[in-house]
C-alpha atoms as a PDB file:
ATOM      1  CA  MET A   1     -42.412  23.857  36.892  1.00  0.00           C
ATOM      2  CA  LYS A   2     -42.762  20.094  37.100  1.00  0.00           C
ATOM      3  CA  GLN A   3     -43.242  19.854  33.340  1.00  0.00           C
ATOM      4  CA  GLU A   4     -40.000  21.847  32.766  1.00  0.00           C
ATOM      5  CA  ALA A   5     -38.184  19.597  35.145  1.00  0.00           C
ATOM      6  CA  LYS A   6     -39.453  16.496  33.384  1.00  0.00           C
ATOM      7  CA  GLU A   7     -38.405  17.990  29.984  1.00  0.00           C
ATOM      8  CA  SER A   8     -34.947  18.793  31.376  1.00  0.00           C
ATOM      9  CA  MET A   9     -34.534  15.246  32.778  1.00  0.00           C
ATOM     10  CA  ARG A  10     -35.744  13.785  29.466  1.00  0.00           C
ATOM     11  CA  GLY A  11     -33.232  15.856  27.583  1.00  0.00           C
ATOM     12  CA  ILE A  12     -30.393  14.878  29.924  1.00  0.00           C
ATOM     13  CA  GLY A  13     -31.349  11.251  29.615  1.00  0.00           C
ATOM     14  CA  LYS A  14     -31.450  11.571  25.837  1.00  0.00           C
ATOM     15  CA  ILE A  15     -27.991  13.105  25.758  1.00  0.00           C
ATOM     16  CA  LEU A  16     -26.637  10.402  28.041  1.00  0.00           C
ATOM     17  CA  GLY A  17     -28.155   7.702  25.797  1.00  0.00           C
ATOM     18  CA  ILE A  18     -26.684   9.324  22.662  1.00  0.00           C
ATOM     19  CA  THR A  19     -23.291   9.667  24.389  1.00  0.00           C
ATOM     20  CA  ILE A  20     -23.186   6.018  25.368  1.00  0.00           C
ATOM     21  CA  SER A  21     -24.250   4.973  21.865  1.00  0.00           C
ATOM     22  CA  VAL A  22     -21.609   7.150  20.204  1.00  0.00           C
ATOM     23  CA  TYR A  23     -18.906   5.867  22.598  1.00  0.00           C
ATOM     24  CA  ALA A  24     -19.914   2.226  21.956  1.00  0.00           C
ATOM     25  CA  GLY A  25     -20.048   2.848  18.217  1.00  0.00           C
ATOM     26  CA  ILE A  26     -16.588   4.439  18.013  1.00  0.00           C
ATOM     27  CA  ARG A  27     -15.053   2.066  20.497  1.00  0.00           C
ATOM     28  CA  TRP A  28     -16.332  -1.281  19.062  1.00  0.00           C
ATOM     29  CA  LEU A  29     -18.295  -0.787  15.843  1.00  0.00           C
ATOM     30  CA  PHE A  30     -16.109   1.762  14.058  1.00  0.00           C
ATOM     31  CA  PRO A  31     -12.997  -0.486  13.878  1.00  0.00           C
ATOM     32  CA  LEU A  32     -15.111  -3.116  12.157  1.00  0.00           C
ATOM     33  CA  VAL A  33     -16.481  -0.796   9.469  1.00  0.00           C
ATOM     34  CA  ILE A  34     -13.330   1.293   8.821  1.00  0.00           C
ATOM     35  CA  PRO A  35     -12.668  -0.415   5.437  1.00  0.00           C
ATOM     36  CA  PHE A  36     -16.208   0.285   4.232  1.00  0.00           C
ATOM     37  CA  PHE A  37     -16.163   3.800   5.689  1.00  0.00           C
ATOM     38  CA  ALA A  38     -12.892   4.480   3.842  1.00  0.00           C
ATOM     39  CA  ALA A  39     -14.362   2.999   0.679  1.00  0.00           C
ATOM     40  CA  PHE A  40     -17.466   5.203   0.882  1.00  0.00           C
ATOM     41  CA  LEU A  41     -15.312   8.317   1.555  1.00  0.00           C
ATOM     42  CA  LEU A  42     -13.095   7.434  -1.409  1.00  0.00           C
ATOM     43  CA  ALA A  43     -16.163   6.856  -3.587  1.00  0.00           C
ATOM     44  CA  LYS A  44     -17.577  10.299  -2.513  1.00  0.00           C
ATOM     45  CA  LEU A  45     -14.314  11.976  -3.578  1.00  0.00           C
ATOM     46  CA  LEU A  46     -14.100  10.122  -6.914  1.00  0.00           C
ATOM     47  CA  ASN A  47     -17.800  10.314  -7.855  1.00  0.00           C
ATOM     48  CA  PRO A  48     -17.742  13.824  -9.419  1.00  0.00           C
ATOM     49  CA  LEU A  49     -14.825  12.805 -11.707  1.00  0.00           C
ATOM     50  CA  VAL A  50     -16.602   9.566 -12.602  1.00  0.00           C
ATOM     51  CA  GLU A  51     -19.793  11.453 -13.530  1.00  0.00           C
ATOM     52  CA  LYS A  52     -17.874  13.920 -15.761  1.00  0.00           C
ATOM     53  CA  LEU A  53     -16.061  11.110 -17.578  1.00  0.00           C
ATOM     54  CA  GLU A  54     -19.231   9.118 -17.926  1.00  0.00           C
ATOM     55  CA  ASN A  55     -21.132  12.067 -19.475  1.00  0.00           C
ATOM     56  CA  LYS A  56     -18.305  13.128 -21.808  1.00  0.00           C
ATOM     57  CA  LEU A  57     -16.916   9.817 -23.042  1.00  0.00           C
ATOM     58  CA  LYS A  58     -20.135   7.724 -22.772  1.00  0.00           C
ATOM     59  CA  LEU A  59     -18.523   4.643 -21.232  1.00  0.00           C
ATOM     60  CA  LYS A  60     -20.133   2.544 -18.514  1.00  0.00           C
ATOM     61  CA  ARG A  61     -19.848   3.815 -14.958  1.00  0.00           C
ATOM     62  CA  SER A  62     -18.404   0.551 -13.766  1.00  0.00           C
ATOM     63  CA  ILE A  63     -15.562   0.809 -16.307  1.00  0.00           C
ATOM     64  CA  TRP A  64     -14.606   4.304 -15.188  1.00  0.00           C
ATOM     65  CA  SER A  65     -14.837   3.281 -11.516  1.00  0.00           C
ATOM     66  CA  SER A  66     -12.414   0.397 -12.115  1.00  0.00           C
ATOM     67  CA  LEU A  67     -10.043   2.598 -14.162  1.00  0.00           C
ATOM     68  CA  LEU A  68      -9.920   5.381 -11.652  1.00  0.00           C
ATOM     69  CA  VAL A  69      -9.379   3.089  -8.668  1.00  0.00           C
ATOM     70  CA  GLY A  70      -6.739   1.197 -10.669  1.00  0.00           C
ATOM     71  CA  ALA A  71      -4.953   4.506 -11.430  1.00  0.00           C
ATOM     72  CA  LEU A  72      -4.960   5.389  -7.748  1.00  0.00           C
ATOM     73  CA  LEU A  73      -3.547   1.992  -6.930  1.00  0.00           C
ATOM     74  CA  LEU A  74      -0.726   2.472  -9.447  1.00  0.00           C
ATOM     75  CA  LEU A  75       0.100   5.918  -8.021  1.00  0.00           C
ATOM     76  CA  LEU A  76       0.092   4.531  -4.519  1.00  0.00           C
ATOM     77  CA  GLY A  77       2.231   1.569  -5.586  1.00  0.00           C
ATOM     78  CA  ALA A  78       4.671   3.859  -7.293  1.00  0.00           C
ATOM     79  CA  ALA A  79       4.942   6.022  -4.146  1.00  0.00           C
ATOM     80  CA  ILE A  80       5.544   3.020  -1.977  1.00  0.00           C
ATOM     81  CA  PHE A  81       8.143   1.622  -4.418  1.00  0.00           C
ATOM     82  CA  PHE A  82       9.939   4.989  -4.470  1.00  0.00           C
ATOM     83  CA  PHE A  83       9.882   5.170  -0.649  1.00  0.00           C
ATOM     84  CA  LEU A  84      11.284   1.661  -0.252  1.00  0.00           C
ATOM     85  CA  LYS A  85      13.894   2.175  -2.935  1.00  0.00           C
ATOM     86  CA  THR A  86      15.042   5.415  -1.206  1.00  0.00           C
ATOM     87  CA  LEU A  87      15.048   3.632   2.150  1.00  0.00           C
ATOM     88  CA  ALA A  88      17.175   0.791   0.787  1.00  0.00           C
ATOM     89  CA  ILE A  89      19.698   3.245  -0.698  1.00  0.00           C
ATOM     90  CA  GLN A  90      19.908   5.065   2.623  1.00  0.00           C
ATOM     91  CA  VAL A  91      20.395   1.766   4.561  1.00  0.00           C
ATOM     92  CA  LYS A  92      23.105   0.796   2.060  1.00  0.00           C
ATOM     93  CA  ASN A  93      24.869   4.149   2.581  1.00  0.00           C
ATOM     94  CA  VAL A  94      24.732   3.647   6.338  1.00  0.00           C
ATOM     95  CA  MET A  95      26.232   0.172   6.079  1.00  0.00           C
ATOM     96  CA  GLU A  96      29.003   1.418   3.739  1.00  0.00           C
ATOM     97  CA  ASN A  97      29.902   4.267   6.158  1.00  0.00           C
ATOM     98  CA  LEU A  98      29.603   2.175   9.307  1.00  0.00           C
ATOM     99  CA  ASP A  99      33.332   2.610  10.189  1.00  0.00           C
ATOM    100  CA  LEU A 100      33.055   6.361   9.799  1.00  0.00           C
ATOM    101  CA  TYR A 101      29.994   6.500  12.066  1.00  0.00           C
ATOM    102  CA  ARG A 102      31.819   4.408  14.661  1.00  0.00           C
ATOM    103  CA  GLN A 103      34.696   6.892  14.637  1.00  0.00           C
ATOM    104  CA  GLN A 104      32.222   9.774  15.018  1.00  0.00           C
ATOM    105  CA  VAL A 105      30.503   8.023  17.939  1.00  0.00           C
ATOM    106  CA  GLY A 106      33.892   7.434  19.569  1.00  0.00           C
ATOM    107  CA  LYS A 107      34.842  11.047  19.111  1.00  0.00           C
ATOM    108  CA  PHE A 108      31.483  12.113  20.534  1.00  0.00           C
ATOM    109  CA  TRP A 109      31.948   9.839  23.525  1.00  0.00           C
ATOM    110  CA  GLU A 110      35.410  11.300  24.199  1.00  0.00           C
ATOM    111  CA  GLU A 111      33.909  14.802  24.113  1.00  0.00           C
ATOM    112  CA  CYS A 112      31.111  13.727  26.512  1.00  0.00           C
ATOM    113  CA  CYS A 113      33.675  12.307  28.984  1.00  0.00           C
ATOM    114  CA  CYS A 114      35.681  15.533  28.852  1.00  0.00           C
ATOM    115  CA  GLN A 115      32.584  17.665  29.380  1.00  0.00           C
ATOM    116  CA  ILE A 116      31.530  15.472  32.355  1.00  0.00           C
ATOM    117  CA  GLU A 117      35.069  15.815  33.791  1.00  0.00           C
ATOM    118  CA  SER A 118      34.870  19.623  33.499  1.00  0.00           C
ATOM    119  CA  LEU A 119      31.494  19.716  35.167  1.00  0.00           C
ATOM    120  CA  THR A 120      31.917  17.124  37.913  1.00  0.00           C
ATOM    121  CA  GLY A 121      35.687  16.832  38.380  1.00  0.00           C
ATOM    122  CA  ILE A 122      35.604  13.082  37.763  1.00  0.00           C
ATOM    123  CA  GLN A 123      38.464  12.102  35.428  1.00  0.00           C
ATOM    124  CA  ALA A 124      37.443  11.199  31.898  1.00  0.00           C
ATOM    125  CA  GLU A 125      39.617   7.996  32.050  1.00  0.00           C
ATOM    126  CA  VAL A 126      37.647   6.864  35.097  1.00  0.00           C
ATOM    127  CA  ILE A 127      34.295   7.452  33.374  1.00  0.00           C
ATOM    128  CA  ARG A 128      35.465   5.705  30.247  1.00  0.00           C
ATOM    129  CA  TYR A 129      36.837   2.697  32.170  1.00  0.00           C
ATOM    130  CA  GLY A 130      33.666   2.359  34.228  1.00  0.00           C
ATOM    131  CA  VAL A 131      31.427   2.359  31.169  1.00  0.00           C
ATOM    132  CA  GLU A 132      33.660  -0.064  29.258  1.00  0.00           C
ATOM    133  CA  GLN A 133      33.570  -2.420  32.228  1.00  0.00           C
ATOM    134  CA  ARG A 134      29.762  -2.394  32.182  1.00  0.00           C
ATOM    135  CA  MET A 135      29.338  -2.744  28.404  1.00  0.00           C
ATOM    136  CA  PRO A 136      29.702  -6.558  28.114  1.00  0.00           C
ATOM    137  CA  THR A 137      26.967  -7.012  30.791  1.00  0.00           C
ATOM    138  CA  VAL A 138      24.697  -4.505  29.083  1.00  0.00           C
ATOM    139  CA  MET A 139      25.247  -6.126  25.650  1.00  0.00           C
ATOM    140  CA  ASP A 140      24.520  -9.620  27.022  1.00  0.00           C
ATOM    141  CA  HIS A 141      21.332  -8.387  28.678  1.00  0.00           C
ATOM    142  CA  ALA A 142      20.340  -6.617  25.472  1.00  0.00           C
ATOM    143  CA  LYS A 143      20.837  -9.770  23.435  1.00  0.00           C
ATOM    144  CA  GLU A 144      18.805 -11.946  25.858  1.00  0.00           C
ATOM    145  CA  ASN A 145      15.883  -9.498  25.816  1.00  0.00           C
ATOM    146  CA  MET A 146      16.064  -7.985  22.333  1.00  0.00           C
ATOM    147  CA  ILE A 147      16.399 -11.061  20.171  1.00  0.00           C
ATOM    148  CA  PRO A 148      13.195 -12.768  21.453  1.00  0.00           C
ATOM    149  CA  ALA A 149      11.407  -9.382  21.274  1.00  0.00           C
ATOM    150  CA  MET A 150      12.629  -8.813  17.678  1.00  0.00           C
ATOM    151  CA  MET A 151      11.445 -12.368  16.702  1.00  0.00           C
ATOM    152  CA  ASN A 152       8.010 -11.787  18.236  1.00  0.00           C
ATOM    153  CA  GLY A 153       7.880  -8.351  16.586  1.00  0.00           C
ATOM    154  CA  THR A 154       8.768  -9.791  13.255  1.00  0.00           C
ATOM    155  CA  PHE A 155       5.969 -12.375  13.390  1.00  0.00           C
ATOM    156  CA  LEU A 156       3.543  -9.678  14.554  1.00  0.00           C
ATOM    157  CA  TYR A 157       4.699  -7.354  11.715  1.00  0.00           C
ATOM    158  CA  ALA A 158       4.218 -10.083   9.153  1.00  0.00           C
ATOM    159  CA  LYS A 159       0.755 -10.854  10.472  1.00  0.00           C
ATOM    160  CA  ASN A 160      -0.208  -7.169  10.473  1.00  0.00           C
ATOM    161  CA  MET A 161       1.112  -6.825   6.883  1.00  0.00           C
ATOM    162  CA  PHE A 162      -1.178  -9.637   5.681  1.00  0.00           C
ATOM    163  CA  VAL A 163      -4.089  -8.063   7.606  1.00  0.00           C
ATOM    164  CA  PHE A 164      -3.319  -4.645   6.024  1.00  0.00           C
ATOM    165  CA  ILE A 165      -3.130  -6.139   2.522  1.00  0.00           C
ATOM    166  CA  GLY A 166      -6.480  -7.852   3.092  1.00  0.00           C
ATOM    167  CA  ILE A 167      -8.055  -4.595   4.299  1.00  0.00           C
ATOM    168  CA  CYS A 168      -6.684  -2.727   1.249  1.00  0.00           C
ATOM    169  CA  PHE A 169      -8.202  -5.415  -1.013  1.00  0.00           C
ATOM    170  CA  VAL A 170     -11.591  -4.970   0.696  1.00  0.00           C
ATOM    171  CA  VAL A 171     -11.356  -1.157   0.379  1.00  0.00           C
ATOM    172  CA  VAL A 172     -10.540  -1.385  -3.362  1.00  0.00           C
ATOM    173  CA  ILE A 173     -13.379  -3.772  -4.234  1.00  0.00           C
ATOM    174  CA  SER A 174     -15.841  -1.919  -1.964  1.00  0.00           C
ATOM    175  CA  THR A 175     -14.953   1.396  -3.589  1.00  0.00           C
ATOM    176  CA  ILE A 176     -15.503   0.060  -7.118  1.00  0.00           C
ATOM    177  CA  LEU A 177     -18.902  -1.432  -6.139  1.00  0.00           C
ATOM    178  CA  ILE A 178     -19.966   1.724  -4.288  1.00  0.00           C
ATOM    179  CA  LEU A 179     -18.974   3.927  -7.217  1.00  0.00           C
ATOM    180  CA  LYS A 180     -20.864   1.695  -9.611  1.00  0.00           C
ATOM    181  CA  ASP A 181     -24.199   2.210  -7.731  1.00  0.00           C
ATOM    182  CA  TYR A 182     -23.387   5.461  -5.918  1.00  0.00           C
ATOM    183  CA  LYS A 183     -26.445   7.351  -7.106  1.00  0.00           C
ATOM    184  CA  LYS A 184     -28.861   4.472  -6.199  1.00  0.00           C
ATOM    185  CA  MET A 185     -27.286   3.946  -2.782  1.00  0.00           C
ATOM    186  CA  ARG A 186     -27.389   7.647  -2.039  1.00  0.00           C
ATOM    187  CA  ALA A 187     -31.016   7.924  -3.146  1.00  0.00           C
ATOM    188  CA  ALA A 188     -32.028   4.850  -1.079  1.00  0.00           C
ATOM    189  CA  LEU A 189     -30.408   6.331   2.036  1.00  0.00           C
ATOM    190  CA  ALA A 190     -31.938   9.806   1.500  1.00  0.00           C
ATOM    191  CA  ASN A 191     -35.453   8.302   1.100  1.00  0.00           C
ATOM    192  CA  HIS A 192     -35.250   6.319   4.367  1.00  0.00           C
ATOM    193  CA  PRO A 193     -35.832   8.256   7.624  1.00  0.00           C
ATOM    194  CA  VAL A 194     -32.920   6.665   9.438  1.00  0.00           C
ATOM    195  CA  GLY A 195     -30.739   6.862   6.344  1.00  0.00           C
ATOM    196  CA  SER A 196     -31.553  10.492   5.840  1.00  0.00           C
ATOM    197  CA  MET A 197     -30.599  11.282   9.462  1.00  0.00           C
ATOM    198  CA  ALA A 198     -27.413   9.288   9.035  1.00  0.00           C
ATOM    199  CA  LEU A 199     -26.537  11.188   5.868  1.00  0.00           C
ATOM    200  CA  ASN A 200     -27.099  14.565   7.638  1.00  0.00           C
ATOM    201  CA  VAL A 201     -24.922  13.517  10.569  1.00  0.00           C
ATOM    202  CA  CYS A 202     -22.221  12.114   8.298  1.00  0.00           C
ATOM    203  CA  ARG A 203     -22.293  15.312   6.208  1.00  0.00           C
ATOM    204  CA  SER A 204     -21.706  17.425   9.325  1.00  0.00           C
ATOM    205  CA  ALA A 205     -18.960  15.076  10.550  1.00  0.00           C
ATOM    206  CA  TYR A 206     -17.363  15.048   7.090  1.00  0.00           C
ATOM    207  CA  GLY A 207     -17.344  18.853   6.946  1.00  0.00           C
ATOM    208  CA  ALA A 208     -15.889  19.019  10.438  1.00  0.00           C
ATOM    209  CA  GLY A 209     -13.268  16.398   9.609  1.00  0.00           C
ATOM    210  CA  GLY A 210     -12.241  18.353   6.523  1.00  0.00           C
ATOM    211  CA  ALA A 211     -11.991  21.552   8.560  1.00  0.00           C
ATOM    212  CA  TYR A 212      -9.922  19.682  11.197  1.00  0.00           C
ATOM    213  CA  ILE A 213      -7.466  18.450   8.576  1.00  0.00           C
ATOM    214  CA  LYS A 214      -7.187  21.960   6.982  1.00  0.00           C
ATOM    215  CA  SER A 215      -6.491  23.440  10.477  1.00  0.00           C
ATOM    216  CA  GLN A 216      -3.756  20.825  11.137  1.00  0.00           C
ATOM    217  CA  ILE A 217      -2.184  21.578   7.674  1.00  0.00           C
ATOM    218  CA  ILE A 218      -2.117  25.306   8.543  1.00  0.00           C
ATOM    219  CA  ILE A 219      -0.471  24.594  11.874  1.00  0.00           C
ATOM    220  CA  MET A 220       2.027  22.173  10.265  1.00  0.00           C
ATOM    221  CA  VAL A 221       2.992  24.880   7.681  1.00  0.00           C
ATOM    222  CA  VAL A 222       3.525  27.473  10.430  1.00  0.00           C
ATOM    223  CA  ILE A 223       5.622  25.082  12.498  1.00  0.00           C
ATOM    224  CA  THR A 224       7.672  24.123   9.391  1.00  0.00           C
ATOM    225  CA  VAL A 225       8.381  27.769   8.564  1.00  0.00           C
ATOM    226  CA  ILE A 226       9.499  28.398  12.181  1.00  0.00           C
ATOM    227  CA  CYS A 227      11.774  25.327  12.128  1.00  0.00           C
ATOM    228  CA  VAL A 228      13.319  26.134   8.715  1.00  0.00           C
ATOM    229  CA  ALA A 229      13.899  29.773   9.670  1.00  0.00           C
ATOM    230  CA  GLY A 230      15.387  28.837  13.057  1.00  0.00           C
ATOM    231  CA  LEU A 231      17.712  26.214  11.636  1.00  0.00           C
ATOM    232  CA  TYR A 232      18.822  28.530   8.799  1.00  0.00           C
ATOM    233  CA  LEU A 233      19.682  31.265  11.272  1.00  0.00           C
ATOM    234  CA  SER A 234      21.631  28.674  13.329  1.00  0.00           C
ATOM    235  CA  GLY A 235      23.788  27.962  10.271  1.00  0.00           C
ATOM    236  CA  ASN A 236      22.455  24.485   9.548  1.00  0.00           C
ATOM    237  CA  GLU A 237      23.116  23.627   5.896  1.00  0.00           C
ATOM    238  CA  TYR A 238      20.183  21.168   5.814  1.00  0.00           C
ATOM    239  CA  ALA A 239      17.771  23.696   7.257  1.00  0.00           C
ATOM    240  CA  LEU A 240      15.059  23.155   4.586  1.00  0.00           C
ATOM    241  CA  LEU A 241      15.152  19.365   4.642  1.00  0.00           C
ATOM    242  CA  ALA A 242      15.457  19.062   8.464  1.00  0.00           C
ATOM    243  CA  GLY A 243      12.797  21.797   9.009  1.00  0.00           C
ATOM    244  CA  CYS A 244      10.262  20.095   6.708  1.00  0.00           C
ATOM    245  CA  GLY A 245      10.914  16.752   8.357  1.00  0.00           C
ATOM    246  CA  ILE A 246      10.437  18.223  11.868  1.00  0.00           C
ATOM    247  CA  GLY A 247       7.200  19.998  10.710  1.00  0.00           C
ATOM    248  CA  ILE A 248       5.815  16.691   9.487  1.00  0.00           C
ATOM    249  CA  CYS A 249       6.788  14.995  12.809  1.00  0.00           C
ATOM    250  CA  ASP A 250       4.992  17.775  14.739  1.00  0.00           C
ATOM    251  CA  ALA A 251       1.720  16.894  12.996  1.00  0.00           C
ATOM    252  CA  MET A 252       1.902  13.324  14.388  1.00  0.00           C
ATOM    253  CA  PRO A 253       0.509  13.007  17.887  1.00  0.00           C
ATOM    254  CA  PHE A 254       3.105  10.401  18.973  1.00  0.00           C
ATOM    255  CA  LEU A 255       6.135  12.461  17.820  1.00  0.00           C
ATOM    256  CA  GLY A 256       6.210  16.275  17.924  1.00  0.00           C
ATOM    257  CA  THR A 257       9.049  18.717  17.706  1.00  0.00           C
ATOM    258  CA  GLY A 258      10.249  17.758  21.170  1.00  0.00           C
ATOM    259  CA  THR A 259      11.400  14.307  20.075  1.00  0.00           C
ATOM    260  CA  ILE A 260      13.853  16.014  17.705  1.00  0.00           C
ATOM    261  CA  PHE A 261      14.909  19.282  19.367  1.00  0.00           C
ATOM    262  CA  VAL A 262      15.195  18.143  22.970  1.00  0.00           C
ATOM    263  CA  PRO A 263      17.760  15.290  22.306  1.00  0.00           C
ATOM    264  CA  TRP A 264      19.483  17.614  19.803  1.00  0.00           C
ATOM    265  CA  ALA A 265      19.809  20.401  22.325  1.00  0.00           C
ATOM    266  CA  ILE A 266      21.101  17.947  24.927  1.00  0.00           C
ATOM    267  CA  ILE A 267      23.755  16.586  22.523  1.00  0.00           C
ATOM    268  CA  GLU A 268      24.942  20.110  21.640  1.00  0.00           C
ATOM    269  CA  LEU A 269      24.999  21.025  25.310  1.00  0.00           C
ATOM    270  CA  VAL A 270      27.155  18.009  26.172  1.00  0.00           C
ATOM    271  CA  GLN A 271      29.504  18.904  23.310  1.00  0.00           C
ATOM    272  CA  GLY A 272      29.890  22.409  24.733  1.00  0.00           C
ATOM    273  CA  LYS A 273      27.995  24.122  21.870  1.00  0.00           C
ATOM    274  CA  TYR A 274      25.866  26.241  24.186  1.00  0.00           C
ATOM    275  CA  MET A 275      24.631  28.708  21.583  1.00  0.00           C
ATOM    276  CA  LEU A 276      23.221  25.863  19.321  1.00  0.00           C
ATOM    277  CA  ALA A 277      21.678  24.206  22.352  1.00  0.00           C
ATOM    278  CA  ALA A 278      19.981  27.525  23.278  1.00  0.00           C
ATOM    279  CA  ILE A 279      18.779  28.092  19.686  1.00  0.00           C
ATOM    280  CA  TYR A 280      17.237  24.588  19.478  1.00  0.00           C
ATOM    281  CA  THR A 281      15.598  25.078  22.846  1.00  0.00           C
ATOM    282  CA  ILE A 282      14.128  28.437  21.722  1.00  0.00           C
ATOM    283  CA  ILE A 283      12.848  26.920  18.439  1.00  0.00           C
ATOM    284  CA  TYR A 284      11.187  24.081  20.394  1.00  0.00           C
ATOM    285  CA  THR A 285       9.611  26.531  22.849  1.00  0.00           C
ATOM    286  CA  VAL A 286       8.309  28.778  20.058  1.00  0.00           C
ATOM    287  CA  CYS A 287       6.853  25.787  18.155  1.00  0.00           C
ATOM    288  CA  THR A 288       5.165  24.470  21.286  1.00  0.00           C
ATOM    289  CA  LEU A 289       3.621  27.867  22.098  1.00  0.00           C
ATOM    290  CA  MET A 290       2.423  28.364  18.517  1.00  0.00           C
ATOM    291  CA  ARG A 291       0.732  24.981  18.458  1.00  0.00           C
ATOM    292  CA  GLU A 292      -0.925  25.668  21.893  1.00  0.00           C
ATOM    293  CA  ILE A 293      -2.141  29.036  20.622  1.00  0.00           C
ATOM    294  CA  LEU A 294      -3.206  28.081  17.099  1.00  0.00           C
ATOM    295  CA  GLU A 295      -4.694  24.631  17.676  1.00  0.00           C
ATOM    296  CA  PRO A 296      -7.678  25.608  19.891  1.00  0.00           C
ATOM    297  CA  LYS A 297      -8.325  28.821  17.955  1.00  0.00           C
ATOM    298  CA  LEU A 298      -8.155  27.443  14.410  1.00  0.00           C
ATOM    299  CA  ILE A 299      -9.837  24.096  15.153  1.00  0.00           C
ATOM    300  CA  GLY A 300     -12.460  25.810  17.307  1.00  0.00           C
ATOM    301  CA  ASN A 301     -13.340  28.284  14.601  1.00  0.00           C
ATOM    302  CA  LYS A 302     -13.528  25.623  11.938  1.00  0.00           C
ATOM    303  CA  LEU A 303     -15.613  23.231  13.974  1.00  0.00           C
ATOM    304  CA  GLY A 304     -17.849  25.907  15.454  1.00  0.00           C
ATOM    305  CA  MET A 305     -16.580  25.096  18.914  1.00  0.00           C
ATOM    306  CA  HIS A 306     -15.196  27.325  21.690  1.00  0.00           C
ATOM    307  CA  PRO A 307     -11.421  26.780  22.042  1.00  0.00           C
ATOM    308  CA  LEU A 308     -11.967  25.611  25.607  1.00  0.00           C
ATOM    309  CA  ALA A 309     -14.487  23.008  24.361  1.00  0.00           C
ATOM    310  CA  VAL A 310     -11.836  21.761  21.821  1.00  0.00           C
ATOM    311  CA  ILE A 311      -9.277  21.308  24.612  1.00  0.00           C
ATOM    312  CA  ILE A 312     -11.777  19.543  26.845  1.00  0.00           C
ATOM    313  CA  THR A 313     -12.948  17.155  24.128  1.00  0.00           C
ATOM    314  CA  MET A 314      -9.312  16.439  23.163  1.00  0.00           C
ATOM    315  CA  TYR A 315      -8.391  15.706  26.799  1.00  0.00           C
ATOM    316  CA  VAL A 316     -11.427  13.558  27.415  1.00  0.00           C
ATOM    317  CA  GLY A 317     -10.844  11.779  24.110  1.00  0.00           C
ATOM    318  CA  LEU A 318      -7.239  10.962  25.061  1.00  0.00           C
ATOM    319  CA  GLU A 319      -8.347   9.596  28.411  1.00  0.00           C
ATOM    320  CA  ILE A 320     -11.112   7.457  26.873  1.00  0.00           C
ATOM    321  CA  TYR A 321      -9.795   6.374  23.411  1.00  0.00           C
ATOM    322  CA  GLY A 322      -6.051   6.617  24.006  1.00  0.00           C
ATOM    323  CA  LEU A 323      -3.584   8.019  21.445  1.00  0.00           C
ATOM    324  CA  TRP A 324      -6.104   8.821  18.727  1.00  0.00           C
ATOM    325  CA  GLY A 325      -8.476  10.493  21.221  1.00  0.00           C
ATOM    326  CA  PHE A 326      -7.096  13.923  20.118  1.00  0.00           C
ATOM    327  CA  ALA A 327      -9.208  13.457  16.934  1.00  0.00           C
ATOM    328  CA  LEU A 328     -11.941  11.080  18.146  1.00  0.00           C
ATOM    329  CA  GLY A 329     -12.781  13.335  21.125  1.00  0.00           C
ATOM    330  CA  PRO A 330     -13.947  16.317  19.036  1.00  0.00           C
ATOM    331  CA  LEU A 331     -15.514  13.881  16.514  1.00  0.00           C
ATOM    332  CA  SER A 332     -17.592  12.301  19.311  1.00  0.00           C
ATOM    333  CA  TYR A 333     -18.717  15.708  20.436  1.00  0.00           C
ATOM    334  CA  ILE A 334     -19.858  16.644  16.946  1.00  0.00           C
ATOM    335  CA  LEU A 335     -21.684  13.267  16.496  1.00  0.00           C
ATOM    336  CA  ILE A 336     -23.461  13.676  19.823  1.00  0.00           C
ATOM    337  CA  LYS A 337     -24.520  17.208  19.037  1.00  0.00           C
ATOM    338  CA  GLU A 338     -25.701  16.436  15.462  1.00  0.00           C
ATOM    339  CA  ILE A 339     -27.599  13.249  16.494  1.00  0.00           C
ATOM    340  CA  TYR A 340     -29.281  15.217  19.316  1.00  0.00           C
ATOM    341  CA  TYR A 341     -30.524  17.929  16.950  1.00  0.00           C
ATOM    342  CA  GLU A 342     -31.514  15.443  14.236  1.00  0.00           C
ATOM    343  CA  THR A 343     -33.687  13.511  16.714  1.00  0.00           C
ATOM    344  CA  ARG A 344     -35.433  16.477  18.288  1.00  0.00           C
END
């Protein structure tokens, strides 16, 4: 009995030690090695193609590595250029139609005042006059606070851009170097006891990460279909474009469908378009319910975890790691489990 108690205490102590190590690693070490982790992951994805090209065309591995990474950079650069070009066109269109938008805002404000008058009995003219009297004070306050904040934000943005460019440079060079000696590095890790254990743990985490991404894509597609169908039935002529955009927003932890549909429903409600407000509210409710149902089930099945365990790890992750805890929580659980079994 005492021996069993000792074994149990030893197991608990081991789990606690692994948990603390994983937490410390993700909290402080992981941010430092992200560029090299990304480079190794990219090299793993490109390695099969490099091997095929090397065997068929008989050129040096280093040449193919450089060419493939260069091709990826060109594609990424073209995508960024297209995005910035489209953004610039959209900004230009907004500036050209600024007077039209002002008229639309003024019309919307008039409708809001009339709706408030019908609901509260306060005359629209009184509401309009009260707001207009407060506007100069609000604008002055906004200028005093926003301009310094914008200046600080600009400097911070410029600094982060330089840091990001530096990280991208490190990732590119590291990917080429890893691809060049991928087989040797993999063999050296596999032949070392610690390296072999690390490879097994990383393999499990990589599989789980891929499963997690697939699950999120499935959920995003389902949400997108619901949004497109709902908007189409509501008579929205941009149902496909808007639905796809909202579906992408829903996949982001800091956005979600609520950031689009809730303000949209409120605006339609204020304008007196109660049917559209109800439709948007229903679409938002259905999307939220579908995510709540699908996320634990799909992710739990893919990760080999009970849905309740997925929810618990996500919640604990959000409390410990912050915004990205929804992904780092389940990842921490997988790492703790795999390291525990590898060291038994």
